[in-house]
């Protein structure tokens, strides 16, 4: 014996959603996209390949996040347990 809830679909199906969806709008003009490999090595400089500020942020967060977790969790567990 099965219930009516088991026979009914759980929710709208992908087909139900797709039928109600309008087709995507097409742009009037297509933007220019360079071909793959069109940018040569002469166009790339050290600054475009490596951002020192981003590296500094990543390393700082890499060290700071676990350090803060240890510093804040120790008092919590010391007082609760």
PDB file of N, CA and C in Angstrom:
ATOM      1  N   UNK A   1       0.843  -1.166   0.000  1.00  0.00           N
ATOM      2  CA  UNK A   1       0.000   0.000   0.000  1.00  0.00           C
ATOM      3  C   UNK A   1       0.898   1.243   0.000  1.00  0.00           C
ATOM      4  N   UNK A   2       0.643   2.152  -0.906  1.00  0.00           N
ATOM      5  CA  UNK A   2       1.409   3.391  -0.977  1.00  0.00           C
ATOM      6  C   UNK A   2       0.501   4.580  -0.713  1.00  0.00           C
ATOM      7  N   UNK A   3       1.092   5.616  -0.225  1.00  0.00           N
ATOM      8  CA  UNK A   3       0.303   6.816   0.048  1.00  0.00           C
ATOM      9  C   UNK A   3       0.270   7.696  -1.190  1.00  0.00           C
ATOM     10  N   UNK A   4      -0.611   8.655  -1.183  1.00  0.00           N
ATOM     11  CA  UNK A   4      -0.747   9.560  -2.320  1.00  0.00           C
ATOM     12  C   UNK A   4       0.494  10.448  -2.440  1.00  0.00           C
ATOM     13  N   UNK A   5       1.140  10.733  -1.310  1.00  0.00           N
ATOM     14  CA  UNK A   5       2.327  11.586  -1.332  1.00  0.00           C
ATOM     15  C   UNK A   5       3.475  10.906  -2.064  1.00  0.00           C
ATOM     16  N   UNK A   6       3.569   9.584  -1.970  1.00  0.00           N
ATOM     17  CA  UNK A   6       4.640   8.864  -2.660  1.00  0.00           C
ATOM     18  C   UNK A   6       4.414   8.843  -4.162  1.00  0.00           C
ATOM     19  N   UNK A   7       3.168   8.870  -4.605  1.00  0.00           N
ATOM     20  CA  UNK A   7       2.856   8.838  -6.028  1.00  0.00           C
ATOM     21  C   UNK A   7       3.036  10.200  -6.686  1.00  0.00           C
ATOM     22  N   UNK A   8       2.848  11.261  -5.923  1.00  0.00           N
ATOM     23  CA  UNK A   8       2.940  12.605  -6.489  1.00  0.00           C
ATOM     24  C   UNK A   8       4.404  13.026  -6.585  1.00  0.00           C
ATOM     25  N   UNK A   9       4.746  13.845  -7.594  1.00  0.00           N
ATOM     26  CA  UNK A   9       6.122  14.326  -7.673  1.00  0.00           C
ATOM     27  C   UNK A   9       6.441  15.232  -6.475  1.00  0.00           C
ATOM     28  N   UNK A  10       7.711  15.271  -6.097  1.00  0.00           N
ATOM     29  CA  UNK A  10       8.123  16.034  -4.925  1.00  0.00           C
ATOM     30  C   UNK A  10       7.962  17.535  -5.139  1.00  0.00           C
ATOM     31  N   UNK A  11       8.029  17.987  -6.327  1.00  0.00           N
ATOM     32  CA  UNK A  11       7.904  19.413  -6.615  1.00  0.00           C
ATOM     33  C   UNK A  11       7.889  19.608  -8.111  1.00  0.00           C
ATOM     34  N   UNK A  12       8.039  20.820  -8.568  1.00  0.00           N
ATOM     35  CA  UNK A  12       8.051  21.017 -10.020  1.00  0.00           C
ATOM     36  C   UNK A  12       9.273  20.339 -10.639  1.00  0.00           C
ATOM     37  N   UNK A  13       9.057  19.760 -11.786  1.00  0.00           N
ATOM     38  CA  UNK A  13      10.157  19.106 -12.486  1.00  0.00           C
ATOM     39  C   UNK A  13      10.898  20.123 -13.343  1.00  0.00           C
ATOM     40  N   UNK A  14      12.031  19.735 -13.872  1.00  0.00           N
ATOM     41  CA  UNK A  14      12.797  20.629 -14.729  1.00  0.00           C
ATOM     42  C   UNK A  14      11.991  20.974 -15.975  1.00  0.00           C
ATOM     43  N   UNK A  15      11.253  20.032 -16.483  1.00  0.00           N
ATOM     44  CA  UNK A  15      10.411  20.290 -17.653  1.00  0.00           C
ATOM     45  C   UNK A  15       9.343  21.330 -17.366  1.00  0.00           C
ATOM     46  N   UNK A  16       8.736  21.266 -16.169  1.00  0.00           N
ATOM     47  CA  UNK A  16       7.726  22.263 -15.794  1.00  0.00           C
ATOM     48  C   UNK A  16       8.336  23.659 -15.752  1.00  0.00           C
ATOM     49  N   UNK A  17       9.515  23.755 -15.199  1.00  0.00           N
ATOM     50  CA  UNK A  17      10.179  25.057 -15.086  1.00  0.00           C
ATOM     51  C   UNK A  17      10.591  25.553 -16.469  1.00  0.00           C
ATOM     52  N   UNK A  18      11.117  24.675 -17.313  1.00  0.00           N
ATOM     53  CA  UNK A  18      11.592  25.074 -18.642  1.00  0.00           C
ATOM     54  C   UNK A  18      10.450  25.520 -19.534  1.00  0.00           C
ATOM     55  N   UNK A  19       9.271  24.937 -19.391  1.00  0.00           N
ATOM     56  CA  UNK A  19       8.132  25.337 -20.213  1.00  0.00           C
ATOM     57  C   UNK A  19       7.724  26.775 -19.924  1.00  0.00           C
ATOM     58  N   UNK A  20       7.853  27.208 -18.669  1.00  0.00           N
ATOM     59  CA  UNK A  20       7.446  28.562 -18.296  1.00  0.00           C
ATOM     60  C   UNK A  20       8.531  29.598 -18.559  1.00  0.00           C
ATOM     61  N   UNK A  21       9.723  29.161 -18.905  1.00  0.00           N
ATOM     62  CA  UNK A  21      10.853  30.072 -19.080  1.00  0.00           C
ATOM     63  C   UNK A  21      10.835  30.686 -20.472  1.00  0.00           C
ATOM     64  N   UNK A  22      11.134  31.992 -20.525  1.00  0.00           N
ATOM     65  CA  UNK A  22      11.212  32.692 -21.808  1.00  0.00           C
ATOM     66  C   UNK A  22      12.592  32.446 -22.417  1.00  0.00           C
ATOM     67  N   UNK A  23      12.694  32.463 -23.740  1.00  0.00           N
ATOM     68  CA  UNK A  23      14.015  32.273 -24.359  1.00  0.00           C
ATOM     69  C   UNK A  23      14.957  33.426 -24.000  1.00  0.00           C
ATOM     70  N   UNK A  24      16.230  33.142 -23.982  1.00  0.00           N
ATOM     71  CA  UNK A  24      17.231  34.149 -23.631  1.00  0.00           C
ATOM     72  C   UNK A  24      17.291  35.227 -24.703  1.00  0.00           C
ATOM     73  N   UNK A  25      17.538  36.458 -24.247  1.00  0.00           N
ATOM     74  CA  UNK A  25      17.674  37.561 -25.190  1.00  0.00           C
ATOM     75  C   UNK A  25      19.044  37.495 -25.856  1.00  0.00           C
ATOM     76  N   UNK A  26      19.073  37.800 -27.138  1.00  0.00           N
ATOM     77  CA  UNK A  26      20.339  37.809 -27.861  1.00  0.00           C
ATOM     78  C   UNK A  26      20.809  39.256 -27.977  1.00  0.00           C
ATOM     79  N   UNK A  27      22.091  39.509 -27.698  1.00  0.00           N
ATOM     80  CA  UNK A  27      22.586  40.888 -27.793  1.00  0.00           C
ATOM     81  C   UNK A  27      22.584  41.370 -29.243  1.00  0.00           C
ATOM     82  N   UNK A  28      22.417  42.677 -29.392  1.00  0.00           N
ATOM     83  CA  UNK A  28      22.403  43.238 -30.747  1.00  0.00           C
ATOM     84  C   UNK A  28      23.783  43.191 -31.379  1.00  0.00           C
ATOM     85  N   UNK A  29      24.806  43.460 -30.563  1.00  0.00           N
ATOM     86  CA  UNK A  29      26.159  43.385 -31.114  1.00  0.00           C
ATOM     87  C   UNK A  29      27.010  42.478 -30.225  1.00  0.00           C
ATOM     88  N   UNK A  30      27.788  41.643 -30.860  1.00  0.00           N
ATOM     89  CA  UNK A  30      28.616  40.675 -30.153  1.00  0.00           C
ATOM     90  C   UNK A  30      29.943  41.349 -29.798  1.00  0.00           C
ATOM     91  N   UNK A  31      30.378  41.264 -28.519  1.00  0.00           N
ATOM     92  CA  UNK A  31      31.647  41.901 -28.151  1.00  0.00           C
ATOM     93  C   UNK A  31      32.834  41.178 -28.796  1.00  0.00           C
ATOM     94  N   UNK A  32      33.887  41.933 -29.031  1.00  0.00           N
ATOM     95  CA  UNK A  32      35.106  41.370 -29.616  1.00  0.00           C
ATOM     96  C   UNK A  32      35.850  40.559 -28.552  1.00  0.00           C
ATOM     97  N   UNK A  33      36.160  39.346 -28.866  1.00  0.00           N
ATOM     98  CA  UNK A  33      36.897  38.474 -27.966  1.00  0.00           C
ATOM     99  C   UNK A  33      38.174  38.042 -28.685  1.00  0.00           C
ATOM    100  N   UNK A  34      39.335  38.251 -28.063  1.00  0.00           N
ATOM    101  CA  UNK A  34      40.577  37.849 -28.752  1.00  0.00           C
ATOM    102  C   UNK A  34      40.676  36.335 -28.867  1.00  0.00           C
ATOM    103  N   UNK A  35      41.355  35.896 -29.904  1.00  0.00           N
ATOM    104  CA  UNK A  35      41.571  34.466 -30.085  1.00  0.00           C
ATOM    105  C   UNK A  35      42.464  33.919 -28.980  1.00  0.00           C
ATOM    106  N   UNK A  36      42.336  32.645 -28.727  1.00  0.00           N
ATOM    107  CA  UNK A  36      43.180  32.004 -27.728  1.00  0.00           C
ATOM    108  C   UNK A  36      44.623  32.071 -28.193  1.00  0.00           C
ATOM    109  N   UNK A  37      45.494  32.529 -27.321  1.00  0.00           N
ATOM    110  CA  UNK A  37      46.900  32.645 -27.659  1.00  0.00           C
ATOM    111  C   UNK A  37      47.248  33.935 -28.378  1.00  0.00           C
ATOM    112  N   UNK A  38      46.270  34.833 -28.565  1.00  0.00           N
ATOM    113  CA  UNK A  38      46.537  36.089 -29.269  1.00  0.00           C
ATOM    114  C   UNK A  38      47.432  37.004 -28.443  1.00  0.00           C
ATOM    115  N   UNK A  39      47.354  36.879 -27.117  1.00  0.00           N
ATOM    116  CA  UNK A  39      48.195  37.706 -26.260  1.00  0.00           C
ATOM    117  C   UNK A  39      49.570  37.061 -26.186  1.00  0.00           C
ATOM    118  N   UNK A  40      50.553  37.739 -26.693  1.00  0.00           N
ATOM    119  CA  UNK A  40      51.899  37.181 -26.747  1.00  0.00           C
ATOM    120  C   UNK A  40      52.679  37.439 -25.472  1.00  0.00           C
ATOM    121  N   UNK A  41      53.822  36.801 -25.299  1.00  0.00           N
ATOM    122  CA  UNK A  41      54.660  37.006 -24.118  1.00  0.00           C
ATOM    123  C   UNK A  41      55.102  38.453 -23.952  1.00  0.00           C
ATOM    124  N   UNK A  42      55.198  39.192 -25.051  1.00  0.00           N
ATOM    125  CA  UNK A  42      55.606  40.593 -24.951  1.00  0.00           C
ATOM    126  C   UNK A  42      54.526  41.427 -24.252  1.00  0.00           C
ATOM    127  N   UNK A  43      53.255  40.980 -24.325  1.00  0.00           N
ATOM    128  CA  UNK A  43      52.153  41.710 -23.698  1.00  0.00           C
ATOM    129  C   UNK A  43      52.077  41.468 -22.196  1.00  0.00           C
ATOM    130  N   UNK A  44      52.727  40.422 -21.720  1.00  0.00           N
ATOM    131  CA  UNK A  44      52.675  40.069 -20.307  1.00  0.00           C
ATOM    132  C   UNK A  44      53.894  40.628 -19.593  1.00  0.00           C
ATOM    133  N   UNK A  45      53.645  41.293 -18.484  1.00  0.00           N
ATOM    134  CA  UNK A  45      54.763  41.775 -17.688  1.00  0.00           C
ATOM    135  C   UNK A  45      54.695  41.149 -16.297  1.00  0.00           C
ATOM    136  N   UNK A  46      55.696  41.407 -15.499  1.00  0.00           N
ATOM    137  CA  UNK A  46      55.768  40.794 -14.172  1.00  0.00           C
ATOM    138  C   UNK A  46      54.584  41.215 -13.312  1.00  0.00           C
ATOM    139  N   UNK A  47      54.147  42.449 -13.427  1.00  0.00           N
ATOM    140  CA  UNK A  47      53.050  42.964 -12.608  1.00  0.00           C
ATOM    141  C   UNK A  47      51.733  42.265 -12.945  1.00  0.00           C
ATOM    142  N   UNK A  48      51.511  41.931 -14.224  1.00  0.00           N
ATOM    143  CA  UNK A  48      50.262  41.278 -14.595  1.00  0.00           C
ATOM    144  C   UNK A  48      50.243  39.807 -14.180  1.00  0.00           C
ATOM    145  N   UNK A  49      51.423  39.214 -13.983  1.00  0.00           N
ATOM    146  CA  UNK A  49      51.487  37.807 -13.602  1.00  0.00           C
ATOM    147  C   UNK A  49      51.512  37.596 -12.093  1.00  0.00           C
ATOM    148  N   UNK A  50      52.013  38.570 -11.338  1.00  0.00           N
ATOM    149  CA  UNK A  50      52.150  38.405  -9.896  1.00  0.00           C
ATOM    150  C   UNK A  50      51.773  39.709  -9.216  1.00  0.00           C
ATOM    151  N   UNK A  51      50.783  39.655  -8.335  1.00  0.00           N
ATOM    152  CA  UNK A  51      50.349  40.837  -7.599  1.00  0.00           C
ATOM    153  C   UNK A  51      50.841  40.698  -6.160  1.00  0.00           C
ATOM    154  N   UNK A  52      51.856  41.464  -5.746  1.00  0.00           N
ATOM    155  CA  UNK A  52      52.401  41.321  -4.400  1.00  0.00           C
ATOM    156  C   UNK A  52      51.375  41.597  -3.309  1.00  0.00           C
ATOM    157  N   UNK A  53      50.446  42.525  -3.546  1.00  0.00           N
ATOM    158  CA  UNK A  53      49.425  42.837  -2.529  1.00  0.00           C
ATOM    159  C   UNK A  53      48.511  41.635  -2.303  1.00  0.00           C
ATOM    160  N   UNK A  54      48.144  40.952  -3.370  1.00  0.00           N
ATOM    161  CA  UNK A  54      47.290  39.774  -3.235  1.00  0.00           C
ATOM    162  C   UNK A  54      48.031  38.662  -2.507  1.00  0.00           C
ATOM    163  N   UNK A  55      49.291  38.470  -2.825  1.00  0.00           N
ATOM    164  CA  UNK A  55      50.083  37.437  -2.151  1.00  0.00           C
ATOM    165  C   UNK A  55      50.211  37.749  -0.667  1.00  0.00           C
ATOM    166  N   UNK A  56      50.387  39.005  -0.333  1.00  0.00           N
ATOM    167  CA  UNK A  56      50.493  39.409   1.078  1.00  0.00           C
ATOM    168  C   UNK A  56      49.187  39.131   1.820  1.00  0.00           C
ATOM    169  N   UNK A  57      48.050  39.457   1.182  1.00  0.00           N
ATOM    170  CA  UNK A  57      46.745  39.187   1.815  1.00  0.00           C
ATOM    171  C   UNK A  57      46.533  37.692   2.025  1.00  0.00           C
ATOM    172  N   UNK A  58      46.888  36.896   1.053  1.00  0.00           N
ATOM    173  CA  UNK A  58      46.675  35.450   1.151  1.00  0.00           C
ATOM    174  C   UNK A  58      47.529  34.857   2.262  1.00  0.00           C
ATOM    175  N   UNK A  59      48.794  35.207   2.311  1.00  0.00           N
ATOM    176  CA  UNK A  59      49.690  34.666   3.344  1.00  0.00           C
ATOM    177  C   UNK A  59      49.261  35.150   4.724  1.00  0.00           C
ATOM    178  N   UNK A  60      48.860  36.419   4.832  1.00  0.00           N
ATOM    179  CA  UNK A  60      48.411  36.948   6.122  1.00  0.00           C
ATOM    180  C   UNK A  60      47.188  36.186   6.622  1.00  0.00           C
ATOM    181  N   UNK A  61      46.215  35.980   5.766  1.00  0.00           N
ATOM    182  CA  UNK A  61      45.009  35.255   6.180  1.00  0.00           C
ATOM    183  C   UNK A  61      45.326  33.787   6.454  1.00  0.00           C
ATOM    184  N   UNK A  62      46.274  33.223   5.732  1.00  0.00           N
ATOM    185  CA  UNK A  62      46.667  31.836   5.900  1.00  0.00           C
ATOM    186  C   UNK A  62      47.254  31.633   7.297  1.00  0.00           C
ATOM    187  N   UNK A  63      47.990  32.610   7.795  1.00  0.00           N
ATOM    188  CA  UNK A  63      48.597  32.527   9.121  1.00  0.00           C
ATOM    189  C   UNK A  63      47.620  33.022  10.188  1.00  0.00           C
ATOM    190  N   UNK A  64      46.905  34.102   9.901  1.00  0.00           N
ATOM    191  CA  UNK A  64      46.048  34.752  10.880  1.00  0.00           C
ATOM    192  C   UNK A  64      44.822  33.920  11.251  1.00  0.00           C
ATOM    193  N   UNK A  65      44.189  33.276  10.297  1.00  0.00           N
ATOM    194  CA  UNK A  65      42.955  32.537  10.572  1.00  0.00           C
ATOM    195  C   UNK A  65      43.161  31.409  11.580  1.00  0.00           C
ATOM    196  N   UNK A  66      44.112  30.488  11.399  1.00  0.00           N
ATOM    197  CA  UNK A  66      44.281  29.442  12.407  1.00  0.00           C
ATOM    198  C   UNK A  66      44.773  29.998  13.744  1.00  0.00           C
ATOM    199  N   UNK A  67      45.580  31.056  13.693  1.00  0.00           N
ATOM    200  CA  UNK A  67      46.072  31.646  14.948  1.00  0.00           C
ATOM    201  C   UNK A  67      44.916  32.213  15.764  1.00  0.00           C
ATOM    202  N   UNK A  68      44.020  32.940  15.123  1.00  0.00           N
ATOM    203  CA  UNK A  68      42.852  33.473  15.827  1.00  0.00           C
ATOM    204  C   UNK A  68      41.943  32.359  16.324  1.00  0.00           C
ATOM    205  N   UNK A  69      41.823  31.293  15.565  1.00  0.00           N
ATOM    206  CA  UNK A  69      40.989  30.172  15.993  1.00  0.00           C
ATOM    207  C   UNK A  69      41.538  29.555  17.276  1.00  0.00           C
ATOM    208  N   UNK A  70      42.839  29.387  17.355  1.00  0.00           N
ATOM    209  CA  UNK A  70      43.457  28.821  18.561  1.00  0.00           C
ATOM    210  C   UNK A  70      43.307  29.774  19.735  1.00  0.00           C
ATOM    211  N   UNK A  71      43.589  31.047  19.517  1.00  0.00           N
ATOM    212  CA  UNK A  71      43.535  32.035  20.595  1.00  0.00           C
ATOM    213  C   UNK A  71      42.121  32.173  21.148  1.00  0.00           C
ATOM    214  N   UNK A  72      41.111  32.123  20.306  1.00  0.00           N
ATOM    215  CA  UNK A  72      39.730  32.269  20.791  1.00  0.00           C
ATOM    216  C   UNK A  72      39.151  30.964  21.329  1.00  0.00           C
ATOM    217  N   UNK A  73      39.574  29.826  20.792  1.00  0.00           N
ATOM    218  CA  UNK A  73      38.995  28.571  21.257  1.00  0.00           C
ATOM    219  C   UNK A  73      39.559  28.125  22.606  1.00  0.00           C
ATOM    220  N   UNK A  74      40.808  28.449  22.896  1.00  0.00           N
ATOM    221  CA  UNK A  74      41.396  28.025  24.165  1.00  0.00           C
ATOM    222  C   UNK A  74      40.618  28.568  25.364  1.00  0.00           C
ATOM    223  N   UNK A  75      40.333  29.876  25.440  1.00  0.00           N
ATOM    224  CA  UNK A  75      39.554  30.360  26.593  1.00  0.00           C
ATOM    225  C   UNK A  75      38.141  29.772  26.637  1.00  0.00           C
ATOM    226  N   UNK A  76      37.537  29.578  25.486  1.00  0.00           N
ATOM    227  CA  UNK A  76      36.175  29.006  25.465  1.00  0.00           C
ATOM    228  C   UNK A  76      36.199  27.621  26.090  1.00  0.00           C
ATOM    229  N   UNK A  77      37.097  26.769  25.645  1.00  0.00           N
ATOM    230  CA  UNK A  77      37.143  25.419  26.185  1.00  0.00           C
ATOM    231  C   UNK A  77      37.670  25.394  27.615  1.00  0.00           C
ATOM    232  N   UNK A  78      38.523  26.308  27.982  1.00  0.00           N
ATOM    233  CA  UNK A  78      39.042  26.359  29.351  1.00  0.00           C
ATOM    234  C   UNK A  78      37.949  26.707  30.350  1.00  0.00           C
ATOM    235  N   UNK A  79      37.055  27.623  29.958  1.00  0.00           N
ATOM    236  CA  UNK A  79      35.975  28.026  30.859  1.00  0.00           C
ATOM    237  C   UNK A  79      34.781  27.086  30.809  1.00  0.00           C
ATOM    238  N   UNK A  80      34.521  26.447  29.677  1.00  0.00           N
ATOM    239  CA  UNK A  80      33.358  25.566  29.565  1.00  0.00           C
ATOM    240  C   UNK A  80      33.612  24.163  30.058  1.00  0.00           C
ATOM    241  N   UNK A  81      34.829  23.690  29.954  1.00  0.00           N
ATOM    242  CA  UNK A  81      35.096  22.299  30.337  1.00  0.00           C
ATOM    243  C   UNK A  81      35.800  22.195  31.651  1.00  0.00           C
TER     244      UNK A  81
END
